[in-house]
């Protein structure tokens, strides 16, 4: 009786419009909260292990906020729909470089200050990496060779990031709780549990996205860029807004740029190795590629002028994001 009821419930969820709406919303909710749990667990583990502040801001946080993209995009690649992964990466990067940065600058008291030499150096690499897939797609596809190039770019960035000793002087001290073995194992369990929830939510997001694409005859790339890309960026926006309110601008910049670099090189590189992508220049990809280039250029301009992103520049970045959404919808 119970198994029969369960089978009916599963059939309803994955084969009806209402069911897939519930799955999509529920999956994004699980993705959001489990990602926040993951960030919390990782920061506490970092404090327990005595990791350096630089490692936490530029690597650990970027990894944590990129994991949602990793699970969703690898799931899409394994299901034979790598275009969904590509559109998610494009959509997330545009949201990172415009919407998330802009909101963080508006929340911050005096705009988003980024005087650090590491941040300034990373900004140039970030823009180069963001544009790299656009160059690799000029021949109409992303091959496994392109995947190797993307992974090589990730390795080069990691080498540059960790090569200087002066980046490892200050220990991360953002946690006030007492450090005990119980504290460590509790957060280790929370980390593993969060990963399990992320895996579950990624399955729901991919399945419901395919359903909506087929049911409403919408390009899968459009849904991936506008909905999945924004959805997988939501956990990151939660962390960056909290950091901006606390005046931790260096963590905001480190997380955003680290996330752009990791999704574009590590995540997309692995996706392409699993399933190469034929990038026919259909409207959603064409618009997405154009606005990704525009977002990258304006982000670099804002972050290099005065070593901060002012509130007026934040409004400009918001305008770019809303223009991107409007053009995507108009060109369906």
Protein backbone atom coordinates (compact mmCIF):
# COMPACT_ATOMS: atom_id res chain seq x y z
CA UNK A 1 0.00 0.00 0.00
CA UNK A 2 2.76 2.40 0.99
CA UNK A 3 4.87 1.51 -2.05
CA UNK A 4 1.85 2.04 -4.32
CA UNK A 5 1.22 5.48 -2.78
CA UNK A 6 4.91 6.35 -3.17
CA UNK A 7 4.87 5.32 -6.85
CA UNK A 8 1.79 7.49 -7.49
CA UNK A 9 3.43 10.45 -5.73
CA UNK A 10 6.63 10.11 -7.76
CA UNK A 11 4.64 9.83 -10.99
CA UNK A 12 2.70 12.98 -10.08
CA UNK A 13 5.84 14.93 -9.25
CA UNK A 14 7.77 14.11 -12.43
CA UNK A 15 4.99 13.77 -15.01
CA UNK A 16 2.65 16.71 -14.33
CA UNK A 17 3.06 20.48 -14.62
CA UNK A 18 2.17 21.14 -10.99
CA UNK A 19 4.40 18.31 -9.84
CA UNK A 20 7.41 19.65 -11.74
CA UNK A 21 6.80 23.17 -10.43
CA UNK A 22 6.86 21.71 -6.91
CA UNK A 23 10.04 19.75 -7.73
CA UNK A 24 11.80 22.81 -9.19
CA UNK A 25 10.89 25.17 -6.35
CA UNK A 26 11.59 22.51 -3.73
CA UNK A 27 14.94 21.63 -5.32
CA UNK A 28 16.05 25.27 -5.39
CA UNK A 29 14.97 25.65 -1.75
CA UNK A 30 17.00 22.57 -0.78
CA UNK A 31 19.92 23.86 -2.88
CA UNK A 32 19.80 27.24 -1.13
CA UNK A 33 19.62 26.01 2.46
CA UNK A 34 22.02 23.09 2.03
CA UNK A 35 24.57 25.44 0.41
CA UNK A 36 24.31 27.79 3.39
CA UNK A 37 24.82 24.83 5.73
CA UNK A 38 27.81 23.82 3.63
CA UNK A 39 29.41 27.28 3.81
CA UNK A 40 28.84 27.39 7.57
CA UNK A 41 30.34 23.93 8.09
CA UNK A 42 33.38 24.67 5.93
CA UNK A 43 34.16 27.95 7.66
CA UNK A 44 34.00 26.26 11.06
CA UNK A 45 36.16 23.37 9.89
CA UNK A 46 38.61 25.98 8.52
CA UNK A 47 38.78 27.66 11.93
CA UNK A 48 39.32 24.32 13.70
CA UNK A 49 42.13 23.33 11.34
CA UNK A 50 43.77 26.76 11.57
CA UNK A 51 43.55 27.52 7.86
CA UNK A 52 44.64 30.95 6.71
CA UNK A 53 42.21 33.79 6.03
CA UNK A 54 43.38 34.01 2.40
CA UNK A 55 42.68 30.32 1.77
CA UNK A 56 39.21 30.64 3.30
CA UNK A 57 38.22 33.73 1.28
CA UNK A 58 39.74 32.89 -2.11
CA UNK A 59 39.48 29.12 -2.19
CA UNK A 60 37.24 27.50 0.42
CA UNK A 61 34.32 29.92 -0.03
CA UNK A 62 34.61 29.80 -3.81
CA UNK A 63 34.60 25.99 -3.71
CA UNK A 64 31.61 25.91 -1.36
CA UNK A 65 29.51 28.30 -3.45
CA UNK A 66 30.51 26.54 -6.69
CA UNK A 67 29.44 23.09 -5.50
CA UNK A 68 25.75 23.70 -6.46
CA UNK A 69 26.86 24.40 -10.05
CA UNK A 70 29.14 21.37 -9.96
CA UNK A 71 26.38 18.96 -8.96
CA UNK A 72 23.76 20.40 -11.32
CA UNK A 73 26.14 20.61 -14.29
CA UNK A 74 27.76 17.19 -13.83
CA UNK A 75 24.28 15.68 -13.48
CA UNK A 76 23.27 17.36 -16.75
CA UNK A 77 26.42 16.08 -18.49
CA UNK A 78 25.86 12.51 -17.28
CA UNK A 79 22.27 12.68 -18.55
CA UNK A 80 23.55 13.69 -22.00
CA UNK A 81 22.40 17.33 -21.89
CA UNK A 82 25.67 19.29 -21.49
CA UNK A 83 24.09 22.38 -23.07
CA UNK A 84 22.15 22.82 -19.83
CA UNK A 85 25.48 22.84 -17.97
CA UNK A 86 26.96 25.43 -20.35
CA UNK A 87 23.90 27.67 -20.07
CA UNK A 88 24.04 27.38 -16.26
CA UNK A 89 27.70 28.46 -16.24
CA UNK A 90 26.95 31.43 -18.54
CA UNK A 91 23.89 32.48 -16.52
CA UNK A 92 25.66 32.12 -13.17
CA UNK A 93 28.71 34.08 -14.31
CA UNK A 94 26.59 36.94 -15.63
CA UNK A 95 24.66 37.01 -12.33
CA UNK A 96 27.94 36.92 -10.36
CA UNK A 97 29.62 39.74 -12.26
CA UNK A 98 26.57 42.03 -12.28
CA UNK A 99 23.66 41.22 -9.96
CA UNK A 100 25.52 39.75 -6.96
CA UNK A 101 28.38 42.26 -7.07
CA UNK A 102 25.92 45.15 -7.44
CA UNK A 103 23.72 44.06 -4.53
CA UNK A 104 26.79 43.55 -2.34
CA UNK A 105 28.04 47.06 -3.18
CA UNK A 106 24.63 48.55 -2.38
CA UNK A 107 24.45 46.71 0.95
CA UNK A 108 28.01 47.72 1.90
CA UNK A 109 28.24 51.03 3.76
CA UNK A 110 30.57 52.84 1.34
CA UNK A 111 30.49 50.66 -1.73
CA UNK A 112 32.55 47.53 -2.33
CA UNK A 113 36.19 48.31 -1.52
CA UNK A 114 38.77 46.02 -3.19
CA UNK A 115 42.27 47.45 -2.54
CA UNK A 116 44.00 44.06 -2.17
CA UNK A 117 46.71 43.33 -4.75
CA UNK A 118 45.51 39.72 -4.87
CA UNK A 119 41.97 40.89 -5.67
CA UNK A 120 43.22 43.30 -8.32
CA UNK A 121 45.40 40.63 -9.91
CA UNK A 122 42.58 38.09 -9.75
CA UNK A 123 40.21 40.53 -11.46
CA UNK A 124 42.30 40.44 -14.65
CA UNK A 125 42.52 36.64 -14.56
CA UNK A 126 38.77 36.44 -13.86
CA UNK A 127 37.90 38.41 -16.97
CA UNK A 128 40.30 36.38 -19.09
CA UNK A 129 38.81 33.15 -17.83
CA UNK A 130 35.21 34.38 -18.27
CA UNK A 131 35.92 35.17 -21.93
CA UNK A 132 38.03 32.03 -22.58
CA UNK A 133 35.04 29.70 -23.31
CA UNK A 134 33.66 32.32 -25.71
CA UNK A 135 36.89 32.10 -27.69
CA UNK A 136 36.94 28.30 -27.55
CA UNK A 137 33.36 28.24 -28.89
CA UNK A 138 34.24 30.17 -32.04
CA UNK A 139 34.55 26.88 -33.94
CA UNK A 140 30.99 25.95 -32.94
CA UNK A 141 31.73 23.43 -30.20
CA UNK A 142 33.51 22.71 -26.92
CA UNK A 143 35.60 19.57 -27.41
CA UNK A 144 37.48 17.44 -24.89
CA UNK A 145 40.63 19.30 -25.92
CA UNK A 146 38.86 22.53 -24.93
CA UNK A 147 38.02 20.87 -21.62
CA UNK A 148 41.71 20.16 -21.04
CA UNK A 149 42.52 23.82 -21.85
CA UNK A 150 39.92 24.99 -19.30
CA UNK A 151 41.27 22.65 -16.61
CA UNK A 152 44.81 23.84 -17.40
CA UNK A 153 43.65 27.44 -16.85
CA UNK A 154 42.27 26.38 -13.46
CA UNK A 155 45.59 24.76 -12.53
CA UNK A 156 47.49 27.90 -13.62
CA UNK A 157 45.28 30.11 -11.46
CA UNK A 158 45.70 27.83 -8.43
CA UNK A 159 49.49 27.92 -8.90
CA UNK A 160 49.52 31.73 -9.06
CA UNK A 161 47.13 32.00 -6.14
CA UNK A 162 49.16 29.90 -3.71
CA UNK A 163 52.71 30.74 -4.83
CA UNK A 164 53.33 33.76 -2.54
CA UNK A 165 54.07 33.26 1.16
CA UNK A 166 52.68 36.64 2.27
CA UNK A 167 49.15 35.37 1.54
CA UNK A 168 49.40 32.86 4.37
CA UNK A 169 50.23 35.03 7.37
CA UNK A 170 46.80 35.69 8.89
CA UNK A 171 44.78 32.79 10.32
CA UNK A 172 41.02 32.87 9.70
CA UNK A 173 39.29 34.01 12.91
CA UNK A 174 35.66 34.42 11.91
CA UNK A 175 34.26 31.86 14.39
CA UNK A 176 33.84 32.47 18.13
CA UNK A 177 32.70 28.97 19.17
CA UNK A 178 34.92 26.73 21.31
CA UNK A 179 37.10 24.44 19.19
CA UNK A 180 36.66 20.80 20.28
CA UNK A 181 36.63 17.42 18.53
CA UNK A 182 32.86 17.33 18.99
CA UNK A 183 32.66 20.71 17.22
CA UNK A 184 34.79 19.37 14.35
CA UNK A 185 32.87 16.12 13.82
CA UNK A 186 29.50 17.87 14.09
CA UNK A 187 30.46 20.20 11.26
CA UNK A 188 32.03 17.37 9.27
CA UNK A 189 28.70 15.53 9.47
CA UNK A 190 26.86 18.73 8.45
CA UNK A 191 29.22 19.07 5.48
CA UNK A 192 28.56 15.49 4.28
CA UNK A 193 24.81 15.84 4.87
CA UNK A 194 24.77 19.10 2.87
CA UNK A 195 26.57 17.41 -0.04
CA UNK A 196 23.88 14.67 -0.04
CA UNK A 197 21.10 17.28 -0.18
CA UNK A 198 22.87 19.08 -3.01
CA UNK A 199 23.05 15.86 -5.00
CA UNK A 200 19.32 15.28 -4.46
CA UNK A 201 18.37 18.84 -5.41
CA UNK A 202 20.51 18.76 -8.57
CA UNK A 203 18.61 15.71 -9.82
CA UNK A 204 15.30 17.53 -9.29
CA UNK A 205 16.49 20.72 -11.01
CA UNK A 206 17.76 18.92 -14.11
CA UNK A 207 14.66 16.70 -14.45
CA UNK A 208 12.15 19.54 -14.03
CA UNK A 209 14.12 21.83 -16.37
CA UNK A 210 13.99 19.22 -19.15
CA UNK A 211 10.24 18.77 -18.53
CA UNK A 212 9.52 22.52 -18.88
CA UNK A 213 11.67 22.77 -22.00
CA UNK A 214 9.80 19.91 -23.70
CA UNK A 215 6.32 20.87 -22.47
CA UNK A 216 6.48 24.54 -23.43
CA UNK A 217 8.78 24.11 -26.45
CA UNK A 218 11.33 26.50 -24.96
CA UNK A 219 15.06 26.23 -25.69
CA UNK A 220 16.78 24.34 -22.90
CA UNK A 221 19.57 26.92 -23.04
CA UNK A 222 17.12 29.74 -22.27
CA UNK A 223 15.79 28.02 -19.14
CA UNK A 224 19.33 27.14 -18.10
CA UNK A 225 20.66 30.68 -18.51
CA UNK A 226 17.77 32.56 -16.91
CA UNK A 227 16.40 30.16 -14.29
CA UNK A 228 19.01 27.54 -13.45
CA UNK A 229 21.89 30.02 -13.70
CA UNK A 230 20.20 32.44 -11.30
CA UNK A 231 19.04 29.63 -9.01
CA UNK A 232 22.51 28.17 -8.56
CA UNK A 233 23.82 31.68 -7.82
CA UNK A 234 21.34 32.26 -4.97
CA UNK A 235 23.40 30.48 -2.26
CA UNK A 236 26.38 32.61 -3.21
CA UNK A 237 24.31 35.79 -3.00
CA UNK A 238 23.31 34.88 0.56
CA UNK A 239 26.95 34.58 1.64
CA UNK A 240 28.19 37.70 -0.19
CA UNK A 241 25.38 39.89 1.16
CA UNK A 242 26.12 38.77 4.72
CA UNK A 243 29.84 39.47 4.21
CA UNK A 244 29.09 42.90 2.69
CA UNK A 245 26.91 43.87 5.68
CA UNK A 246 29.82 42.99 7.99
CA UNK A 247 32.24 45.06 5.93
CA UNK A 248 34.18 41.97 4.76
CA UNK A 249 34.57 43.28 1.21
CA UNK A 250 37.68 41.15 0.58
CA UNK A 251 35.59 38.00 1.14
CA UNK A 252 32.89 39.20 -1.27
CA UNK A 253 35.39 39.90 -4.04
CA UNK A 254 37.33 36.71 -3.37
CA UNK A 255 34.21 34.57 -3.43
CA UNK A 256 32.70 36.12 -6.59
CA UNK A 257 35.90 35.97 -8.62
CA UNK A 258 36.82 32.54 -7.31
CA UNK A 259 33.35 31.29 -8.21
CA UNK A 260 33.53 32.68 -11.76
CA UNK A 261 36.94 31.12 -12.28
CA UNK A 262 35.97 27.72 -10.85
CA UNK A 263 32.67 27.38 -12.70
CA UNK A 264 34.25 28.43 -16.00
CA UNK A 265 37.39 26.29 -15.74
CA UNK A 266 36.94 23.41 -13.28
CA UNK A 267 33.20 22.76 -13.62
CA UNK A 268 32.85 23.43 -17.36
CA UNK A 269 36.13 21.63 -18.05
CA UNK A 270 34.91 18.45 -16.32
CA UNK A 271 31.51 18.73 -18.06
CA UNK A 272 33.15 18.94 -21.50
CA UNK A 273 35.40 15.95 -20.73
CA UNK A 274 32.28 13.93 -19.88
CA UNK A 275 30.18 15.16 -22.80
CA UNK A 276 31.51 17.56 -25.50
CA UNK A 277 29.13 20.39 -26.42
CA UNK A 278 27.99 21.46 -29.86
CA UNK A 279 27.24 25.16 -29.37
CA UNK A 280 24.96 26.01 -32.26
CA UNK A 281 24.65 29.79 -32.18
CA UNK A 282 20.98 29.78 -31.23
CA UNK A 283 19.55 32.96 -29.73
CA UNK A 284 19.92 32.17 -25.98
CA UNK A 285 23.60 31.27 -26.34
CA UNK A 286 24.28 34.21 -28.65
CA UNK A 287 22.70 36.69 -26.21
CA UNK A 288 24.31 35.00 -23.21
CA UNK A 289 27.76 35.09 -24.79
CA UNK A 290 27.36 38.77 -25.72
CA UNK A 291 26.25 39.82 -22.25
CA UNK A 292 28.89 37.68 -20.55
CA UNK A 293 31.55 39.63 -22.47
CA UNK A 294 29.84 42.95 -21.62
CA UNK A 295 29.53 41.97 -17.94
CA UNK A 296 33.18 40.97 -17.76
CA UNK A 297 34.40 44.23 -19.32
CA UNK A 298 32.24 46.45 -17.09
CA UNK A 299 33.14 44.46 -13.97
CA UNK A 300 36.84 44.93 -14.73
CA UNK A 301 36.30 48.65 -15.38
CA UNK A 302 34.42 49.11 -12.09
CA UNK A 303 36.86 47.16 -9.95
CA UNK A 304 39.97 48.85 -11.41
CA UNK A 305 38.71 52.45 -11.04
CA UNK A 306 39.43 53.66 -7.53
CA UNK A 307 39.89 50.07 -6.30
CA UNK A 308 36.21 49.92 -5.33
CA UNK A 309 32.74 49.48 -6.79
CA UNK A 310 30.66 52.54 -5.97
CA UNK A 311 26.90 52.58 -5.58
CA UNK A 312 26.48 54.38 -8.93
CA UNK A 313 28.57 51.65 -10.60
CA UNK A 314 26.41 49.08 -8.80
CA UNK A 315 23.30 50.51 -10.44
CA UNK A 316 25.05 50.29 -13.82
CA UNK A 317 25.80 46.60 -13.22
CA UNK A 318 22.16 46.03 -12.23
CA UNK A 319 21.04 47.72 -15.45
CA UNK A 320 23.27 45.36 -17.45
CA UNK A 321 21.74 42.32 -15.75
CA UNK A 322 18.13 43.43 -16.32
CA UNK A 323 18.94 44.32 -19.93
CA UNK A 324 20.35 40.81 -20.36
CA UNK A 325 17.15 39.23 -19.00
CA UNK A 326 14.96 41.44 -21.20
CA UNK A 327 16.90 40.69 -24.39
CA UNK A 328 16.87 36.93 -23.66
CA UNK A 329 13.08 36.99 -23.29
CA UNK A 330 12.51 39.20 -26.34
CA UNK A 331 14.59 36.93 -28.58
CA UNK A 332 12.80 33.68 -27.67
